[in-house]
Amino acid sequence: MDGYYVEKLSGERLLRCYEIASPRVQQYLEAEIQFVLQHLERTDSVLELGCGYGRVTSRLAKVASRVVGIDNSRESLELARRMSGSDTKCEYYEMDASALTFDDTEFDKVICVQNGICAFGVDHELLLRQALRVTKPGGSQYFSSYSEKFWKHRLLWFEAQAAAGLLGEIDYTRTGNGEIVCKDGFRTGFKTPEGFRSLCSKLNLDPEIIEVDGSSVFCEIVVPEVV
């Protein structure tokens, strides 16, 4: 699915998706950011996976000492750099989240919000292993997906995107049970609390699962200290 965000849903088109979001979706998006901000320290070095045009990255930079955003879309990254202006705390790189080129233990926090874990279209275990590799012992990671309670609002948002020509026509014969499918190949699911726990168990991790705002499910992972 990451190819879709490179070829069809990047830069100004991606920005437009958020501009047309309903008040309830805007509330969900803001609640995610506020949750992450509450867990940041001013000395933190933070990596955001799937940063798009920097919608979240720029907010994180108001708290953390260093914020790095990565994305596969060059067009989105160029927009992020323009929108960041003179904010030198924001760094943006074109990179695959499942093949990070950063040093081991480089970051205090790794952030992946707005269902990025499902949107990237990569192996979830490989994604998590890479995130763990670049996080300092004792550091934390925050992956989010949609709450099942949010389905109605989520579907309405994607219908609005399709109506605006940002996505293909929704295929209602294959849409349901938390998955949205469009006739042009777009597809996105979600990660349940049980799905997050199952993924983490493969790496002997014990995550904390937190529901936020009745719209997001966050998987918080504290990286074990080196013994």
C-alpha atoms as a PDB file:
ATOM      1  CA  MET A   1       0.000   0.000   0.000  1.00  0.00           C
ATOM      2  CA  ASP A   2       2.950   2.349   0.479  1.00  0.00           C
ATOM      3  CA  GLY A   3       3.212   2.626  -3.345  1.00  0.00           C
ATOM      4  CA  TYR A   4      -0.239   4.212  -3.412  1.00  0.00           C
ATOM      5  CA  TYR A   5       0.945   6.973  -1.078  1.00  0.00           C
ATOM      6  CA  VAL A   6       3.924   7.579  -3.354  1.00  0.00           C
ATOM      7  CA  GLU A   7       2.119   7.531  -6.685  1.00  0.00           C
ATOM      8  CA  LYS A   8      -1.415   8.750  -5.948  1.00  0.00           C
ATOM      9  CA  LEU A   9      -1.824  10.135  -2.451  1.00  0.00           C
ATOM     10  CA  SER A  10       1.134  12.352  -1.645  1.00  0.00           C
ATOM     11  CA  GLY A  11       2.027  15.988  -1.154  1.00  0.00           C
ATOM     12  CA  GLU A  12      -0.855  18.397  -1.679  1.00  0.00           C
ATOM     13  CA  ARG A  13      -3.325  15.557  -2.286  1.00  0.00           C
ATOM     14  CA  LEU A  14      -2.470  14.018   1.077  1.00  0.00           C
ATOM     15  CA  LEU A  15      -2.787  17.423   2.733  1.00  0.00           C
ATOM     16  CA  ARG A  16      -6.242  17.775   1.205  1.00  0.00           C
ATOM     17  CA  CYS A  17      -7.352  14.509   2.850  1.00  0.00           C
ATOM     18  CA  TYR A  18      -6.830  16.095   6.236  1.00  0.00           C
ATOM     19  CA  GLU A  19      -8.327  19.439   5.246  1.00  0.00           C
ATOM     20  CA  ILE A  20     -11.690  17.825   4.416  1.00  0.00           C
ATOM     21  CA  ALA A  21     -11.818  15.723   7.597  1.00  0.00           C
ATOM     22  CA  SER A  22     -14.988  16.098   9.672  1.00  0.00           C
ATOM     23  CA  PRO A  23     -14.873  17.679  13.145  1.00  0.00           C
ATOM     24  CA  ARG A  24     -14.996  14.189  14.705  1.00  0.00           C
ATOM     25  CA  VAL A  25     -12.047  13.022  12.611  1.00  0.00           C
ATOM     26  CA  GLN A  26     -10.166  16.221  13.454  1.00  0.00           C
ATOM     27  CA  GLN A  27     -10.776  15.414  17.116  1.00  0.00           C
ATOM     28  CA  TYR A  28      -9.341  11.925  16.591  1.00  0.00           C
ATOM     29  CA  LEU A  29      -6.248  13.282  14.838  1.00  0.00           C
ATOM     30  CA  GLU A  30      -5.609  15.845  17.559  1.00  0.00           C
ATOM     31  CA  ALA A  31      -6.162  13.273  20.322  1.00  0.00           C
ATOM     32  CA  GLU A  32      -3.432  11.089  18.815  1.00  0.00           C
ATOM     33  CA  ILE A  33      -0.967  13.956  18.782  1.00  0.00           C
ATOM     34  CA  GLN A  34      -1.810  15.006  22.326  1.00  0.00           C
ATOM     35  CA  PHE A  35      -1.324  11.448  23.560  1.00  0.00           C
ATOM     36  CA  VAL A  36       2.145  11.280  22.035  1.00  0.00           C
ATOM     37  CA  LEU A  37       3.117  14.751  23.259  1.00  0.00           C
ATOM     38  CA  GLN A  38       2.252  13.744  26.815  1.00  0.00           C
ATOM     39  CA  HIS A  39       4.916  11.032  26.612  1.00  0.00           C
ATOM     40  CA  LEU A  40       7.758  13.171  25.262  1.00  0.00           C
ATOM     41  CA  GLU A  41      10.599  14.796  27.179  1.00  0.00           C
ATOM     42  CA  ARG A  42      12.379  17.950  26.057  1.00  0.00           C
ATOM     43  CA  THR A  43      15.644  16.043  25.771  1.00  0.00           C
ATOM     44  CA  ASP A  44      14.178  13.330  23.526  1.00  0.00           C
ATOM     45  CA  SER A  45      15.398  12.428  20.072  1.00  0.00           C
ATOM     46  CA  VAL A  46      12.310  11.225  18.194  1.00  0.00           C
ATOM     47  CA  LEU A  47      11.780   9.277  14.978  1.00  0.00           C
ATOM     48  CA  GLU A  48       8.413   9.378  13.219  1.00  0.00           C
ATOM     49  CA  LEU A  49       7.705   6.567  10.757  1.00  0.00           C
ATOM     50  CA  GLY A  50       5.528   7.570   7.815  1.00  0.00           C
ATOM     51  CA  CYS A  51       5.618  11.308   8.428  1.00  0.00           C
ATOM     52  CA  GLY A  52       3.904  12.362   5.187  1.00  0.00           C
ATOM     53  CA  TYR A  53       3.973  16.143   4.838  1.00  0.00           C
ATOM     54  CA  GLY A  54       5.053  16.631   8.472  1.00  0.00           C
ATOM     55  CA  ARG A  55       1.603  17.067  10.022  1.00  0.00           C
ATOM     56  CA  VAL A  56       2.700  15.360  13.257  1.00  0.00           C
ATOM     57  CA  THR A  57       6.462  15.867  13.024  1.00  0.00           C
ATOM     58  CA  SER A  58       6.188  19.632  13.306  1.00  0.00           C
ATOM     59  CA  ARG A  59       4.091  19.290  16.465  1.00  0.00           C
ATOM     60  CA  LEU A  60       6.547  16.890  18.075  1.00  0.00           C
ATOM     61  CA  ALA A  61       9.349  19.360  17.398  1.00  0.00           C
ATOM     62  CA  LYS A  62       7.691  21.868  19.716  1.00  0.00           C
ATOM     63  CA  VAL A  63       8.585  19.563  22.623  1.00  0.00           C
ATOM     64  CA  ALA A  64      11.465  17.229  21.701  1.00  0.00           C
ATOM     65  CA  SER A  65      15.036  18.342  21.092  1.00  0.00           C
ATOM     66  CA  ARG A  66      15.335  16.523  17.757  1.00  0.00           C
ATOM     67  CA  VAL A  67      12.636  15.099  15.493  1.00  0.00           C
ATOM     68  CA  VAL A  68      13.265  13.020  12.378  1.00  0.00           C
ATOM     69  CA  GLY A  69      10.501  12.107   9.956  1.00  0.00           C
ATOM     70  CA  ILE A  70      10.821   9.449   7.270  1.00  0.00           C
ATOM     71  CA  ASP A  71       8.523   8.623   4.372  1.00  0.00           C
ATOM     72  CA  ASN A  72       8.619   6.873   0.997  1.00  0.00           C
ATOM     73  CA  SER A  73       7.068   9.823  -0.837  1.00  0.00           C
ATOM     74  CA  ARG A  74       9.528  12.414  -2.062  1.00  0.00           C
ATOM     75  CA  GLU A  75       6.654  14.760  -2.933  1.00  0.00           C
ATOM     76  CA  SER A  76       5.283  14.626   0.627  1.00  0.00           C
ATOM     77  CA  LEU A  77       8.741  15.171   2.090  1.00  0.00           C
ATOM     78  CA  GLU A  78       9.336  18.215  -0.108  1.00  0.00           C
ATOM     79  CA  LEU A  79       6.052  19.685   1.145  1.00  0.00           C
ATOM     80  CA  ALA A  80       7.074  18.886   4.732  1.00  0.00           C
ATOM     81  CA  ARG A  81      10.334  20.756   4.310  1.00  0.00           C
ATOM     82  CA  ARG A  82       8.561  23.773   2.823  1.00  0.00           C
ATOM     83  CA  MET A  83       5.989  23.831   5.607  1.00  0.00           C
ATOM     84  CA  SER A  84       8.670  23.459   8.301  1.00  0.00           C
ATOM     85  CA  GLY A  85      10.414  26.574   7.061  1.00  0.00           C
ATOM     86  CA  SER A  86      13.222  27.587   9.403  1.00  0.00           C
ATOM     87  CA  ASP A  87      12.453  24.964  12.083  1.00  0.00           C
ATOM     88  CA  THR A  88      15.861  23.305  12.314  1.00  0.00           C
ATOM     89  CA  LYS A  89      14.664  20.656  14.771  1.00  0.00           C
ATOM     90  CA  CYS A  90      12.755  18.858  11.981  1.00  0.00           C
ATOM     91  CA  GLU A  91      14.725  16.545   9.705  1.00  0.00           C
ATOM     92  CA  TYR A  92      13.119  14.662   6.819  1.00  0.00           C
ATOM     93  CA  TYR A  93      14.484  11.658   4.920  1.00  0.00           C
ATOM     94  CA  GLU A  94      13.193   9.441   2.140  1.00  0.00           C
ATOM     95  CA  MET A  95      13.392   5.958   3.643  1.00  0.00           C
ATOM     96  CA  ASP A  96      11.618   2.615   3.956  1.00  0.00           C
ATOM     97  CA  ALA A  97      10.357   2.093   7.520  1.00  0.00           C
ATOM     98  CA  SER A  98      11.215  -1.611   7.286  1.00  0.00           C
ATOM     99  CA  ALA A  99      14.829  -0.900   6.243  1.00  0.00           C
ATOM    100  CA  LEU A 100      15.989   1.984   8.405  1.00  0.00           C
ATOM    101  CA  THR A 101      19.506   3.287   7.793  1.00  0.00           C
ATOM    102  CA  PHE A 102      19.912   4.935  11.194  1.00  0.00           C
ATOM    103  CA  ASP A 103      22.421   3.763  13.781  1.00  0.00           C
ATOM    104  CA  ASP A 104      21.454   1.307  16.496  1.00  0.00           C
ATOM    105  CA  THR A 105      19.918   2.930  19.606  1.00  0.00           C
ATOM    106  CA  GLU A 106      19.848   6.378  17.961  1.00  0.00           C
ATOM    107  CA  PHE A 107      16.422   7.502  19.238  1.00  0.00           C
ATOM    108  CA  ASP A 108      14.674   7.850  22.592  1.00  0.00           C
ATOM    109  CA  LYS A 109      11.198   7.489  21.074  1.00  0.00           C
ATOM    110  CA  VAL A 110       9.797   6.013  17.867  1.00  0.00           C
ATOM    111  CA  ILE A 111       6.341   7.132  16.760  1.00  0.00           C
ATOM    112  CA  CYS A 112       4.051   5.574  14.155  1.00  0.00           C
ATOM    113  CA  VAL A 113       0.539   7.017  14.289  1.00  0.00           C
ATOM    114  CA  GLN A 114      -2.629   7.179  12.172  1.00  0.00           C
ATOM    115  CA  ASN A 115      -2.590   3.458  11.380  1.00  0.00           C
ATOM    116  CA  GLY A 116       0.804   3.664   9.697  1.00  0.00           C
ATOM    117  CA  ILE A 117       1.590   0.087  10.697  1.00  0.00           C
ATOM    118  CA  CYS A 118      -1.166  -1.078   8.338  1.00  0.00           C
ATOM    119  CA  ALA A 119      -0.738   1.612   5.676  1.00  0.00           C
ATOM    120  CA  PHE A 120       2.930   0.871   4.939  1.00  0.00           C
ATOM    121  CA  GLY A 121       2.237  -2.499   3.345  1.00  0.00           C
ATOM    122  CA  VAL A 122       5.302  -4.116   4.914  1.00  0.00           C
ATOM    123  CA  ASP A 123       5.821  -7.091   7.218  1.00  0.00           C
ATOM    124  CA  HIS A 124       4.771  -5.950  10.692  1.00  0.00           C
ATOM    125  CA  GLU A 125       7.355  -8.034  12.518  1.00  0.00           C
ATOM    126  CA  LEU A 126      10.160  -6.662  10.340  1.00  0.00           C
ATOM    127  CA  LEU A 127       8.857  -3.128  10.922  1.00  0.00           C
ATOM    128  CA  LEU A 128       8.868  -3.645  14.677  1.00  0.00           C
ATOM    129  CA  ARG A 129      12.343  -5.204  14.659  1.00  0.00           C
ATOM    130  CA  GLN A 130      13.718  -2.188  12.823  1.00  0.00           C
ATOM    131  CA  ALA A 131      12.039   0.209  15.234  1.00  0.00           C
ATOM    132  CA  LEU A 132      13.467  -1.729  18.180  1.00  0.00           C
ATOM    133  CA  ARG A 133      16.946  -1.646  16.692  1.00  0.00           C
ATOM    134  CA  VAL A 134      17.082   2.137  16.487  1.00  0.00           C
ATOM    135  CA  THR A 135      15.505   2.788  19.904  1.00  0.00           C
ATOM    136  CA  LYS A 136      17.654   3.221  23.008  1.00  0.00           C
ATOM    137  CA  PRO A 137      17.276   0.696  25.851  1.00  0.00           C
ATOM    138  CA  GLY A 138      14.632   2.107  28.166  1.00  0.00           C
ATOM    139  CA  GLY A 139      13.183   4.152  25.313  1.00  0.00           C
ATOM    140  CA  SER A 140       9.604   3.842  24.098  1.00  0.00           C
ATOM    141  CA  GLN A 141       7.655   3.230  20.926  1.00  0.00           C
ATOM    142  CA  TYR A 142       4.101   4.228  20.113  1.00  0.00           C
ATOM    143  CA  PHE A 143       2.204   2.532  17.305  1.00  0.00           C
ATOM    144  CA  SER A 144      -1.435   3.415  16.756  1.00  0.00           C
ATOM    145  CA  SER A 145      -4.357   2.016  14.813  1.00  0.00           C
ATOM    146  CA  TYR A 146      -8.083   2.651  14.728  1.00  0.00           C
ATOM    147  CA  SER A 147     -10.471   1.694  17.490  1.00  0.00           C
ATOM    148  CA  GLU A 148     -13.317  -0.519  16.322  1.00  0.00           C
ATOM    149  CA  LYS A 149     -15.638   2.085  17.881  1.00  0.00           C
ATOM    150  CA  PHE A 150     -14.492   4.609  15.277  1.00  0.00           C
ATOM    151  CA  TRP A 151     -15.575   2.617  12.201  1.00  0.00           C
ATOM    152  CA  LYS A 152     -18.549   4.823  11.228  1.00  0.00           C
ATOM    153  CA  HIS A 153     -16.518   8.047  11.334  1.00  0.00           C
ATOM    154  CA  ARG A 154     -13.565   6.437   9.605  1.00  0.00           C
ATOM    155  CA  LEU A 155     -15.716   5.146   6.726  1.00  0.00           C
ATOM    156  CA  LEU A 156     -17.391   8.532   6.303  1.00  0.00           C
ATOM    157  CA  TRP A 157     -13.949  10.167   6.090  1.00  0.00           C
ATOM    158  CA  PHE A 158     -12.769   7.792   3.386  1.00  0.00           C
ATOM    159  CA  GLU A 159     -16.043   8.270   1.517  1.00  0.00           C
ATOM    160  CA  ALA A 160     -15.386  12.024   1.576  1.00  0.00           C
ATOM    161  CA  GLN A 161     -11.877  11.441   0.205  1.00  0.00           C
ATOM    162  CA  ALA A 162     -13.282   9.281  -2.589  1.00  0.00           C
ATOM    163  CA  ALA A 163     -15.947  11.893  -3.406  1.00  0.00           C
ATOM    164  CA  ALA A 164     -13.210  14.533  -3.650  1.00  0.00           C
ATOM    165  CA  GLY A 165     -11.304  12.373  -6.138  1.00  0.00           C
ATOM    166  CA  LEU A 166      -8.427  11.749  -3.740  1.00  0.00           C
ATOM    167  CA  LEU A 167      -9.135   8.018  -3.566  1.00  0.00           C
ATOM    168  CA  GLY A 168     -10.780   5.630  -5.981  1.00  0.00           C
ATOM    169  CA  GLU A 169     -14.439   4.693  -5.693  1.00  0.00           C
ATOM    170  CA  ILE A 170     -15.065   2.594  -2.589  1.00  0.00           C
ATOM    171  CA  ASP A 171     -15.821  -1.061  -3.293  1.00  0.00           C
ATOM    172  CA  TYR A 172     -18.623  -1.738  -0.832  1.00  0.00           C
ATOM    173  CA  THR A 173     -18.708  -5.431  -1.707  1.00  0.00           C
ATOM    174  CA  ARG A 174     -15.270  -5.812  -0.095  1.00  0.00           C
ATOM    175  CA  THR A 175     -15.416  -3.033   2.495  1.00  0.00           C
ATOM    176  CA  GLY A 176     -16.338  -3.957   6.057  1.00  0.00           C
ATOM    177  CA  ASN A 177     -15.060  -5.541   9.267  1.00  0.00           C
ATOM    178  CA  GLY A 178     -12.528  -2.754   9.685  1.00  0.00           C
ATOM    179  CA  GLU A 179     -11.187  -2.871   6.126  1.00  0.00           C
ATOM    180  CA  ILE A 180     -11.729  -0.233   3.441  1.00  0.00           C
ATOM    181  CA  VAL A 181     -11.163  -1.223  -0.187  1.00  0.00           C
ATOM    182  CA  CYS A 182     -11.314   1.031  -3.253  1.00  0.00           C
ATOM    183  CA  LYS A 183     -11.765  -0.017  -6.862  1.00  0.00           C
ATOM    184  CA  ASP A 184      -8.422   1.514  -7.848  1.00  0.00           C
ATOM    185  CA  GLY A 185      -6.437  -0.828  -5.577  1.00  0.00           C
ATOM    186  CA  PHE A 186      -6.374   1.150  -2.341  1.00  0.00           C
ATOM    187  CA  ARG A 187      -6.851  -1.034   0.718  1.00  0.00           C
ATOM    188  CA  THR A 188      -6.424  -0.391   4.421  1.00  0.00           C
ATOM    189  CA  GLY A 189      -7.224  -2.420   7.514  1.00  0.00           C
ATOM    190  CA  PHE A 190      -6.528  -1.877  11.183  1.00  0.00           C
ATOM    191  CA  LYS A 191      -4.708  -3.527  14.083  1.00  0.00           C
ATOM    192  CA  THR A 192      -6.760  -4.790  17.013  1.00  0.00           C
ATOM    193  CA  PRO A 193      -5.428  -4.860  20.592  1.00  0.00           C
ATOM    194  CA  GLU A 194      -5.134  -8.634  20.221  1.00  0.00           C
ATOM    195  CA  GLY A 195      -3.236  -8.152  16.969  1.00  0.00           C
ATOM    196  CA  PHE A 196      -0.751  -5.828  18.646  1.00  0.00           C
ATOM    197  CA  ARG A 197      -0.260  -8.259  21.535  1.00  0.00           C
ATOM    198  CA  SER A 198       0.247 -11.182  19.165  1.00  0.00           C
ATOM    199  CA  LEU A 199       2.829  -9.246  17.163  1.00  0.00           C
ATOM    200  CA  CYS A 200       4.729  -8.200  20.289  1.00  0.00           C
ATOM    201  CA  SER A 201       4.692 -11.723  21.705  1.00  0.00           C
ATOM    202  CA  LYS A 202       6.762 -12.893  18.727  1.00  0.00           C
ATOM    203  CA  LEU A 203       9.552 -10.638  20.009  1.00  0.00           C
ATOM    204  CA  ASN A 204       8.994 -11.407  23.691  1.00  0.00           C
ATOM    205  CA  LEU A 205       7.641  -7.920  24.331  1.00  0.00           C
ATOM    206  CA  ASP A 206       4.922  -7.023  26.810  1.00  0.00           C
ATOM    207  CA  PRO A 207       3.137  -3.944  25.423  1.00  0.00           C
ATOM    208  CA  GLU A 208       0.632  -1.681  27.087  1.00  0.00           C
ATOM    209  CA  ILE A 209      -2.511  -1.187  25.000  1.00  0.00           C
ATOM    210  CA  ILE A 210      -4.331   2.102  25.516  1.00  0.00           C
ATOM    211  CA  GLU A 211      -7.525   3.284  23.843  1.00  0.00           C
ATOM    212  CA  VAL A 212      -7.580   7.033  23.238  1.00  0.00           C
ATOM    213  CA  ASP A 213     -10.663   9.158  22.575  1.00  0.00           C
ATOM    214  CA  GLY A 214     -12.732   6.138  21.489  1.00  0.00           C
ATOM    215  CA  SER A 215     -10.965   6.484  18.145  1.00  0.00           C
ATOM    216  CA  SER A 216      -7.383   5.179  18.460  1.00  0.00           C
ATOM    217  CA  VAL A 217      -5.709   2.134  19.920  1.00  0.00           C
ATOM    218  CA  PHE A 218      -2.099   2.749  20.948  1.00  0.00           C
ATOM    219  CA  CYS A 219       0.482   0.037  21.457  1.00  0.00           C
ATOM    220  CA  GLU A 220       3.156   1.353  23.821  1.00  0.00           C
ATOM    221  CA  ILE A 221       6.380  -0.649  23.956  1.00  0.00           C
ATOM    222  CA  VAL A 222       9.165   0.077  26.398  1.00  0.00           C
ATOM    223  CA  VAL A 223      12.434  -1.267  25.029  1.00  0.00           C
ATOM    224  CA  PRO A 224      14.091  -3.583  27.561  1.00  0.00           C
ATOM    225  CA  GLU A 225      17.239  -2.323  29.245  1.00  0.00           C
ATOM    226  CA  VAL A 226      20.442  -4.104  28.299  1.00  0.00           C
ATOM    227  CA  VAL A 227      21.392  -6.608  31.026  1.00  0.00           C
END
